[in-house]
Protein backbone atom coordinates (compact mmCIF):
# COMPACT_ATOMS: atom_id res chain seq x y z
CA UNK A 1 0.00 0.00 0.00
CA UNK A 2 2.83 2.32 0.91
CA UNK A 3 4.52 1.65 -2.46
CA UNK A 4 1.28 2.45 -4.32
CA UNK A 5 0.95 5.70 -2.36
CA UNK A 6 4.54 6.73 -3.18
CA UNK A 7 4.08 5.90 -6.87
CA UNK A 8 0.85 7.89 -6.95
CA UNK A 9 2.51 10.91 -5.33
CA UNK A 10 5.44 10.66 -7.78
CA UNK A 11 3.10 10.60 -10.80
CA UNK A 12 1.06 13.53 -9.44
CA UNK A 13 4.29 15.50 -8.89
CA UNK A 14 5.35 14.93 -12.50
CA UNK A 15 1.95 16.02 -13.80
CA UNK A 16 2.00 19.18 -11.65
CA UNK A 17 5.58 19.95 -12.71
CA UNK A 18 4.82 19.61 -16.42
CA UNK A 19 1.65 21.72 -16.04
CA UNK A 20 3.51 24.51 -14.24
CA UNK A 21 6.28 24.50 -16.87
CA UNK A 22 3.81 24.73 -19.75
CA UNK A 23 2.03 27.67 -18.09
CA UNK A 24 5.05 29.60 -16.80
CA UNK A 25 7.60 29.02 -19.60
CA UNK A 26 5.82 31.16 -22.25
CA UNK A 27 5.52 34.00 -19.73
CA UNK A 28 9.22 33.87 -18.98
CA UNK A 29 10.14 33.64 -22.65
CA UNK A 30 8.02 36.68 -23.46
CA UNK A 31 10.15 38.76 -21.11
CA UNK A 32 13.42 37.78 -22.79
CA UNK A 33 14.32 40.12 -25.61
CA UNK A 34 16.84 39.12 -28.27
CA UNK A 35 20.01 41.18 -28.64
CA UNK A 36 19.04 41.96 -32.23
CA UNK A 37 15.57 41.75 -33.69
CA UNK A 38 15.27 42.90 -37.31
CA UNK A 39 12.01 44.51 -38.33
CA UNK A 40 11.86 42.48 -41.54
CA UNK A 41 12.50 38.79 -42.15
CA UNK A 42 15.96 37.93 -43.40
CA UNK A 43 16.54 35.00 -45.73
CA UNK A 44 19.87 33.21 -45.53
CA UNK A 45 21.70 36.31 -44.24
CA UNK A 46 23.14 35.72 -40.76
CA UNK A 47 24.09 38.45 -38.32
CA UNK A 48 27.74 39.30 -38.88
CA UNK A 49 29.26 41.98 -36.65
CA UNK A 50 31.25 43.52 -39.47
CA UNK A 51 31.23 47.33 -39.42
CA UNK A 52 29.74 47.23 -42.94
CA UNK A 53 27.25 44.42 -42.34
CA UNK A 54 23.72 45.56 -43.17
CA UNK A 55 22.25 43.78 -40.15
CA UNK A 56 24.85 45.32 -37.84
CA UNK A 57 24.24 48.82 -39.19
CA UNK A 58 20.48 48.40 -38.86
CA UNK A 59 20.99 47.67 -35.17
CA UNK A 60 22.96 50.89 -34.52
CA UNK A 61 21.16 53.76 -32.75
CA UNK A 62 22.23 56.51 -35.19
CA UNK A 63 21.02 59.99 -34.23
CA UNK A 64 22.02 63.67 -34.33
CA UNK A 65 20.86 67.03 -33.05
CA UNK A 66 19.38 69.69 -35.35
CA UNK A 67 21.74 71.26 -37.86
CA UNK A 68 23.55 74.41 -36.79
CA UNK A 69 23.81 77.38 -39.15
CA UNK A 70 27.44 78.53 -39.08
CA UNK A 71 27.19 81.48 -41.46
CA UNK A 72 25.37 82.71 -44.56
CA UNK A 73 27.12 82.85 -47.93
CA UNK A 74 26.17 84.41 -51.26
CA UNK A 75 22.57 83.57 -52.10
CA UNK A 76 21.38 81.77 -55.21
CA UNK A 77 18.77 82.85 -57.76
CA UNK A 78 15.75 82.06 -55.58
CA UNK A 79 17.29 80.47 -52.51
CA UNK A 80 19.58 81.28 -49.60
CA UNK A 81 22.86 79.46 -48.97
CA UNK A 82 24.44 78.67 -45.62
CA UNK A 83 27.41 76.81 -44.24
CA UNK A 84 25.84 74.45 -41.70
CA UNK A 85 27.11 71.69 -39.43
CA UNK A 86 25.91 68.64 -37.53
CA UNK A 87 27.42 65.84 -35.46
CA UNK A 88 28.15 62.32 -36.68
CA UNK A 89 29.75 59.89 -34.23
CA UNK A 90 31.08 62.91 -32.35
CA UNK A 91 32.63 64.47 -35.47
CA UNK A 92 31.57 67.96 -36.51
CA UNK A 93 30.59 67.58 -40.15
CA UNK A 94 30.03 70.60 -42.35
CA UNK A 95 27.86 71.07 -45.41
CA UNK A 96 26.30 73.52 -47.81
CA UNK A 97 22.64 74.14 -46.99
CA UNK A 98 20.26 75.79 -49.47
CA UNK A 99 16.78 76.99 -48.45
CA UNK A 100 14.14 78.30 -50.90
CA UNK A 101 13.64 82.05 -50.56
CA UNK A 102 9.88 81.79 -50.96
CA UNK A 103 6.78 81.20 -48.83
CA UNK A 104 7.41 78.04 -46.86
CA UNK A 105 4.80 75.24 -47.00
CA UNK A 106 2.97 74.76 -43.70
CA UNK A 107 4.55 71.34 -43.17
CA UNK A 108 8.02 72.45 -44.32
CA UNK A 109 10.04 72.04 -47.51
CA UNK A 110 10.90 68.67 -49.05
CA UNK A 111 14.65 68.09 -48.72
CA UNK A 112 17.50 66.26 -50.41
CA UNK A 113 20.65 65.05 -48.68
CA UNK A 114 23.32 65.44 -51.34
CA UNK A 115 26.26 63.01 -51.09
CA UNK A 116 29.40 63.84 -53.06
CA UNK A 117 31.63 61.42 -54.92
CA UNK A 118 35.34 61.01 -54.35
CA UNK A 119 37.35 64.22 -54.31
CA UNK A 120 40.81 64.23 -52.67
CA UNK A 121 39.78 65.09 -49.07
CA UNK A 122 42.43 67.79 -48.62
CA UNK A 123 41.28 69.49 -51.83
CA UNK A 124 37.58 69.41 -50.96
CA UNK A 125 35.88 72.81 -50.46
CA UNK A 126 32.31 73.09 -49.18
CA UNK A 127 31.20 75.78 -51.60
CA UNK A 128 32.91 74.25 -54.63
CA UNK A 129 32.14 71.13 -56.61
CA UNK A 130 28.68 70.04 -57.75
CA UNK A 131 27.63 73.69 -57.95
CA UNK A 132 25.32 73.18 -60.94
CA UNK A 133 23.80 70.02 -59.48
CA UNK A 134 22.90 71.70 -56.19
CA UNK A 135 21.63 74.82 -57.98
CA UNK A 136 19.30 72.75 -60.17
CA UNK A 137 17.64 71.10 -57.17
CA UNK A 138 17.59 74.30 -55.10
CA UNK A 139 15.88 76.30 -57.89
CA UNK A 140 13.15 73.65 -58.01
CA UNK A 141 11.91 74.12 -54.46
CA UNK A 142 14.00 71.70 -52.40
CA UNK A 143 16.09 72.29 -49.32
CA UNK A 144 19.44 70.78 -50.29
CA UNK A 145 22.06 69.73 -47.75
CA UNK A 146 25.32 68.86 -49.53
CA UNK A 147 27.29 67.23 -46.75
CA UNK A 148 31.07 67.11 -46.57
CA UNK A 149 31.87 63.56 -45.45
CA UNK A 150 34.13 63.33 -42.41
CA UNK A 151 37.74 64.11 -43.16
CA UNK A 152 36.77 66.10 -46.27
CA UNK A 153 37.45 69.83 -46.21
CA UNK A 154 36.86 71.19 -42.71
CA UNK A 155 34.84 68.22 -41.45
CA UNK A 156 36.33 66.44 -38.46
CA UNK A 157 37.30 62.78 -38.49
CA UNK A 158 39.21 60.61 -40.93
CA UNK A 159 38.25 60.16 -44.57
CA UNK A 160 37.67 56.47 -45.22
CA UNK A 161 35.81 55.93 -48.46
CA UNK A 162 32.46 54.17 -48.74
CA UNK A 163 32.90 50.66 -50.14
CA UNK A 164 34.77 49.18 -47.16
CA UNK A 165 33.73 51.52 -44.36
CA UNK A 166 30.41 52.47 -42.82
CA UNK A 167 31.64 55.94 -41.81
CA UNK A 168 30.14 57.84 -44.74
CA UNK A 169 26.87 55.92 -44.46
CA UNK A 170 26.65 56.89 -40.80
CA UNK A 171 27.40 60.51 -41.81
CA UNK A 172 24.54 60.40 -44.33
CA UNK A 173 22.02 58.95 -41.86
CA UNK A 174 23.17 61.36 -39.14
CA UNK A 175 22.50 64.17 -41.64
CA UNK A 176 19.01 62.74 -42.14
CA UNK A 177 18.36 62.75 -38.39
CA UNK A 178 19.73 66.27 -38.13
CA UNK A 179 17.71 67.60 -41.06
CA UNK A 180 14.52 66.06 -39.64
CA UNK A 181 14.89 68.42 -36.68
CA UNK A 182 15.37 71.53 -38.83
CA UNK A 183 12.12 73.52 -38.58
CA UNK A 184 12.07 74.53 -42.26
CA UNK A 185 12.09 70.90 -43.49
CA UNK A 186 9.24 68.42 -43.65
CA UNK A 187 10.78 65.46 -41.73
CA UNK A 188 8.67 62.99 -43.70
CA UNK A 189 9.83 64.23 -47.10
CA UNK A 190 13.58 63.71 -47.24
CA UNK A 191 15.39 61.94 -50.06
CA UNK A 192 19.03 61.21 -50.91
CA UNK A 193 21.15 61.84 -53.99
CA UNK A 194 24.60 60.40 -54.54
CA UNK A 195 27.29 60.37 -57.21
CA UNK A 196 29.93 57.74 -57.93
CA UNK A 197 31.29 56.46 -54.58
CA UNK A 198 28.21 57.91 -52.88
CA UNK A 199 25.98 55.66 -54.95
CA UNK A 200 27.13 52.92 -52.59
CA UNK A 201 26.45 55.23 -49.63
CA UNK A 202 22.92 56.03 -50.79
CA UNK A 203 21.86 52.43 -51.37
CA UNK A 204 23.40 51.28 -48.08
CA UNK A 205 21.58 54.09 -46.26
CA UNK A 206 18.29 53.12 -47.92
CA UNK A 207 18.71 49.54 -46.68
CA UNK A 208 19.36 50.78 -43.15
CA UNK A 209 16.69 53.49 -42.78
CA UNK A 210 13.14 53.51 -44.12
CA UNK A 211 12.90 57.22 -43.27
CA UNK A 212 14.62 58.08 -46.56
CA UNK A 213 11.69 58.38 -48.94
CA UNK A 214 13.47 58.28 -52.30
CA UNK A 215 16.98 57.75 -53.65
CA UNK A 216 18.73 58.90 -56.83
CA UNK A 217 22.14 57.59 -57.90
CA UNK A 218 24.38 58.90 -60.64
CA UNK A 219 27.27 56.75 -61.90
CA UNK A 220 27.31 54.63 -58.75
CA UNK A 221 29.37 51.56 -57.90
CA UNK A 222 29.91 48.49 -55.71
CA UNK A 223 26.50 47.14 -54.79
CA UNK A 224 27.96 43.64 -54.55
CA UNK A 225 31.59 42.73 -54.01
CA UNK A 226 31.36 40.17 -56.76
CA UNK A 227 30.79 43.12 -59.08
CA UNK A 228 33.80 44.82 -57.52
CA UNK A 229 35.95 41.92 -58.68
CA UNK A 230 34.26 41.85 -62.09
CA UNK A 231 34.32 45.56 -62.96
CA UNK A 232 37.12 46.89 -60.72
CA UNK A 233 37.45 50.39 -59.33
CA UNK A 234 40.28 52.30 -57.71
CA UNK A 235 39.84 52.00 -53.96
CA UNK A 236 42.33 50.85 -51.31
CA UNK A 237 40.41 51.86 -48.18
CA UNK A 238 40.02 48.19 -47.21
CA UNK A 239 43.76 47.48 -47.27
CA UNK A 240 45.22 46.65 -43.87
CA UNK A 241 48.18 48.87 -43.09
CA UNK A 242 50.26 47.39 -40.24
CA UNK A 243 52.02 50.68 -39.60
CA UNK A 244 48.77 52.49 -38.77
CA UNK A 245 48.29 53.34 -35.12
CA UNK A 246 44.95 55.16 -35.28
CA UNK A 247 42.29 53.79 -32.97
CA UNK A 248 39.51 56.30 -33.68
CA UNK A 249 36.20 55.88 -35.46
CA UNK A 250 37.91 55.50 -38.84
CA UNK A 251 39.30 52.15 -37.70
CA UNK A 252 36.09 51.16 -35.93
CA UNK A 253 34.05 51.71 -39.07
CA UNK A 254 36.45 50.10 -41.55
CA UNK A 255 36.36 46.45 -42.60
CA UNK A 256 39.99 45.27 -42.84
CA UNK A 257 39.61 41.62 -41.86
CA UNK A 258 41.65 38.83 -43.52
CA UNK A 259 38.53 37.85 -45.47
CA UNK A 260 38.18 41.29 -47.04
CA UNK A 261 41.87 41.26 -47.98
CA UNK A 262 41.16 38.38 -50.35
CA UNK A 263 39.38 40.75 -52.70
CA UNK A 264 42.76 42.34 -53.41
CA UNK A 265 45.13 39.43 -52.99
CA UNK A 266 43.18 36.35 -54.12
CA UNK A 267 39.63 37.10 -55.36
CA UNK A 268 39.40 33.71 -57.10
CA UNK A 269 39.29 32.01 -53.69
CA UNK A 270 36.26 33.93 -52.45
CA UNK A 271 32.93 32.24 -51.89
CA UNK A 272 30.58 35.21 -52.31
CA UNK A 273 27.69 33.11 -51.00
CA UNK A 274 29.24 32.51 -47.58
CA UNK A 275 27.92 34.25 -44.47
CA UNK A 276 30.49 37.06 -44.42
CA UNK A 277 30.11 38.22 -48.03
CA UNK A 278 26.32 37.77 -47.93
CA UNK A 279 26.11 39.94 -44.81
CA UNK A 280 27.98 42.89 -46.34
CA UNK A 281 26.53 42.70 -49.87
CA UNK A 282 23.95 45.37 -50.66
CA UNK A 283 22.21 43.33 -53.32
CA UNK A 284 21.83 40.28 -51.07
CA UNK A 285 20.07 42.49 -48.52
CA UNK A 286 17.87 44.21 -51.08
CA UNK A 287 14.75 42.97 -49.29
CA UNK A 288 15.19 45.93 -46.93
CA UNK A 289 14.76 48.47 -49.73
CA UNK A 290 11.38 50.15 -49.30
CA UNK A 291 11.91 53.49 -51.09
CA UNK A 292 11.80 54.00 -54.87
CA UNK A 293 15.21 54.27 -56.53
CA UNK A 294 16.30 56.05 -59.71
CA UNK A 295 19.63 55.24 -61.40
CA UNK A 296 21.53 57.19 -64.07
CA UNK A 297 24.69 56.04 -65.87
CA UNK A 298 26.52 56.96 -69.06
CA UNK A 299 27.61 54.13 -71.32
CA UNK A 300 30.96 55.84 -71.89
CA UNK A 301 31.74 56.33 -68.18
CA UNK A 302 35.54 55.86 -67.96
CA UNK A 303 35.62 55.74 -64.14
CA UNK A 304 32.76 53.46 -63.09
CA UNK A 305 31.72 50.65 -65.42
CA UNK A 306 28.04 50.83 -66.37
CA UNK A 307 27.86 47.12 -65.53
CA UNK A 308 27.46 48.11 -61.87
CA UNK A 309 24.17 49.88 -62.61
CA UNK A 310 22.95 47.24 -65.02
CA UNK A 311 23.54 44.45 -62.53
CA UNK A 312 21.82 46.43 -59.78
CA UNK A 313 18.88 47.04 -62.09
CA UNK A 314 18.57 43.31 -62.70
CA UNK A 315 18.50 42.59 -58.97
CA UNK A 316 15.87 45.28 -58.42
CA UNK A 317 13.76 43.84 -61.23
CA UNK A 318 13.99 40.29 -59.90
CA UNK A 319 13.09 41.55 -56.42
CA UNK A 320 10.06 43.50 -57.72
CA UNK A 321 11.39 46.80 -56.37
CA UNK A 322 10.26 50.21 -57.61
CA UNK A 323 13.08 51.66 -59.71
CA UNK A 324 14.04 53.50 -62.88
CA UNK A 325 17.29 52.97 -64.78
CA UNK A 326 18.43 55.45 -67.42
CA UNK A 327 21.43 55.00 -69.69
CA UNK A 328 23.03 57.83 -71.65
CA UNK A 329 25.08 57.53 -74.84
CA UNK A 330 27.61 60.07 -73.59
CA UNK A 331 28.36 62.44 -70.76
CA UNK A 332 31.09 60.44 -69.08
CA UNK A 333 31.35 59.98 -65.35
CA UNK A 334 29.62 63.27 -64.51
CA UNK A 335 26.92 62.85 -67.18
CA UNK A 336 27.86 66.21 -68.65
CA UNK A 337 25.87 68.26 -71.20
CA UNK A 338 23.99 67.68 -73.37
CA UNK A 339 22.91 64.74 -71.19
CA UNK A 340 23.20 66.58 -67.87
CA UNK A 341 20.01 68.60 -68.28
CA UNK A 342 17.90 65.54 -69.13
CA UNK A 343 19.29 63.55 -66.21
CA UNK A 344 18.76 66.45 -63.79
CA UNK A 345 15.20 67.04 -64.94
CA UNK A 346 14.42 63.34 -64.48
CA UNK A 347 15.95 63.50 -61.01
CA UNK A 348 13.92 66.58 -60.06
CA UNK A 349 10.64 65.06 -61.25
CA UNK A 350 11.42 61.81 -59.44
CA UNK A 351 11.94 63.64 -56.15
CA UNK A 352 8.84 65.79 -56.67
CA UNK A 353 6.78 62.65 -57.24
CA UNK A 354 8.11 60.73 -54.25
CA UNK A 355 8.75 63.40 -51.61
């Protein structure tokens, strides 16, 4: 009898234990938050803590205070021009800000963050370069903020390029956050424009933030590193330099791992489908693109092969993304006249439609 009683108690204990676990366990689990929880499902792209990994960048809390007007410079035809600044990872970054000199819409002006291509950083001047591009947008009713990436001109920090560093992408998104707080701008109507190197910056920023409502790229490059091997481009920002002793944000944001070195030393050995290369590829993370994208490229571009834009267009098509791709017979890397005017007008109309 005693043995039956003990067996009965043992069975009842097991039943009670299992019941308690089934009731309590979901409650406990609901209180445990994952270290990283992407807002969109990711297919076959693991979390890689590379400074240029899309998943890693999406997890960063990028922010900035409102832009600061440093001083006013000579005004344009129907807009005012200022030297302005904002903070990005603690660096004071400067830029040229244009504001329409007309009656402001109640909700604020639509705005464009203008990202420049490669110019030798020590030769960069805020008020020079891309003058006609900025003027075209400014005359058409946009606030334009042409930012000077860190290390360029008077901007603090170290210049690092865009293809193998997240620094310029963080600068661009910090500019977005800063511009959203500027009272003359509609925070829900901000787009991005980028040329050459900054084409990479713009697309990477679009994958990271859904607050950018439209993107336009001229003569852009390096959307996948497989394309980098195929079409080439002059960039050594990924090269590890043993003699460097810097420990600032330029090193924190750069990808200089042994794996990335293969792209220079032994590209034939790379498996572009492995976790590392998949994590840093823009095209393999294209599911995060929610804004419409417009691409312009000249067939005779001697700096950036048009294959970059064509391959990106194919990925966008296969992924059912909203995009426009325009090719020009001439115009070179800057899509100069007589093609410039057509490309600019298309860019203006695209922003007007989507901002």
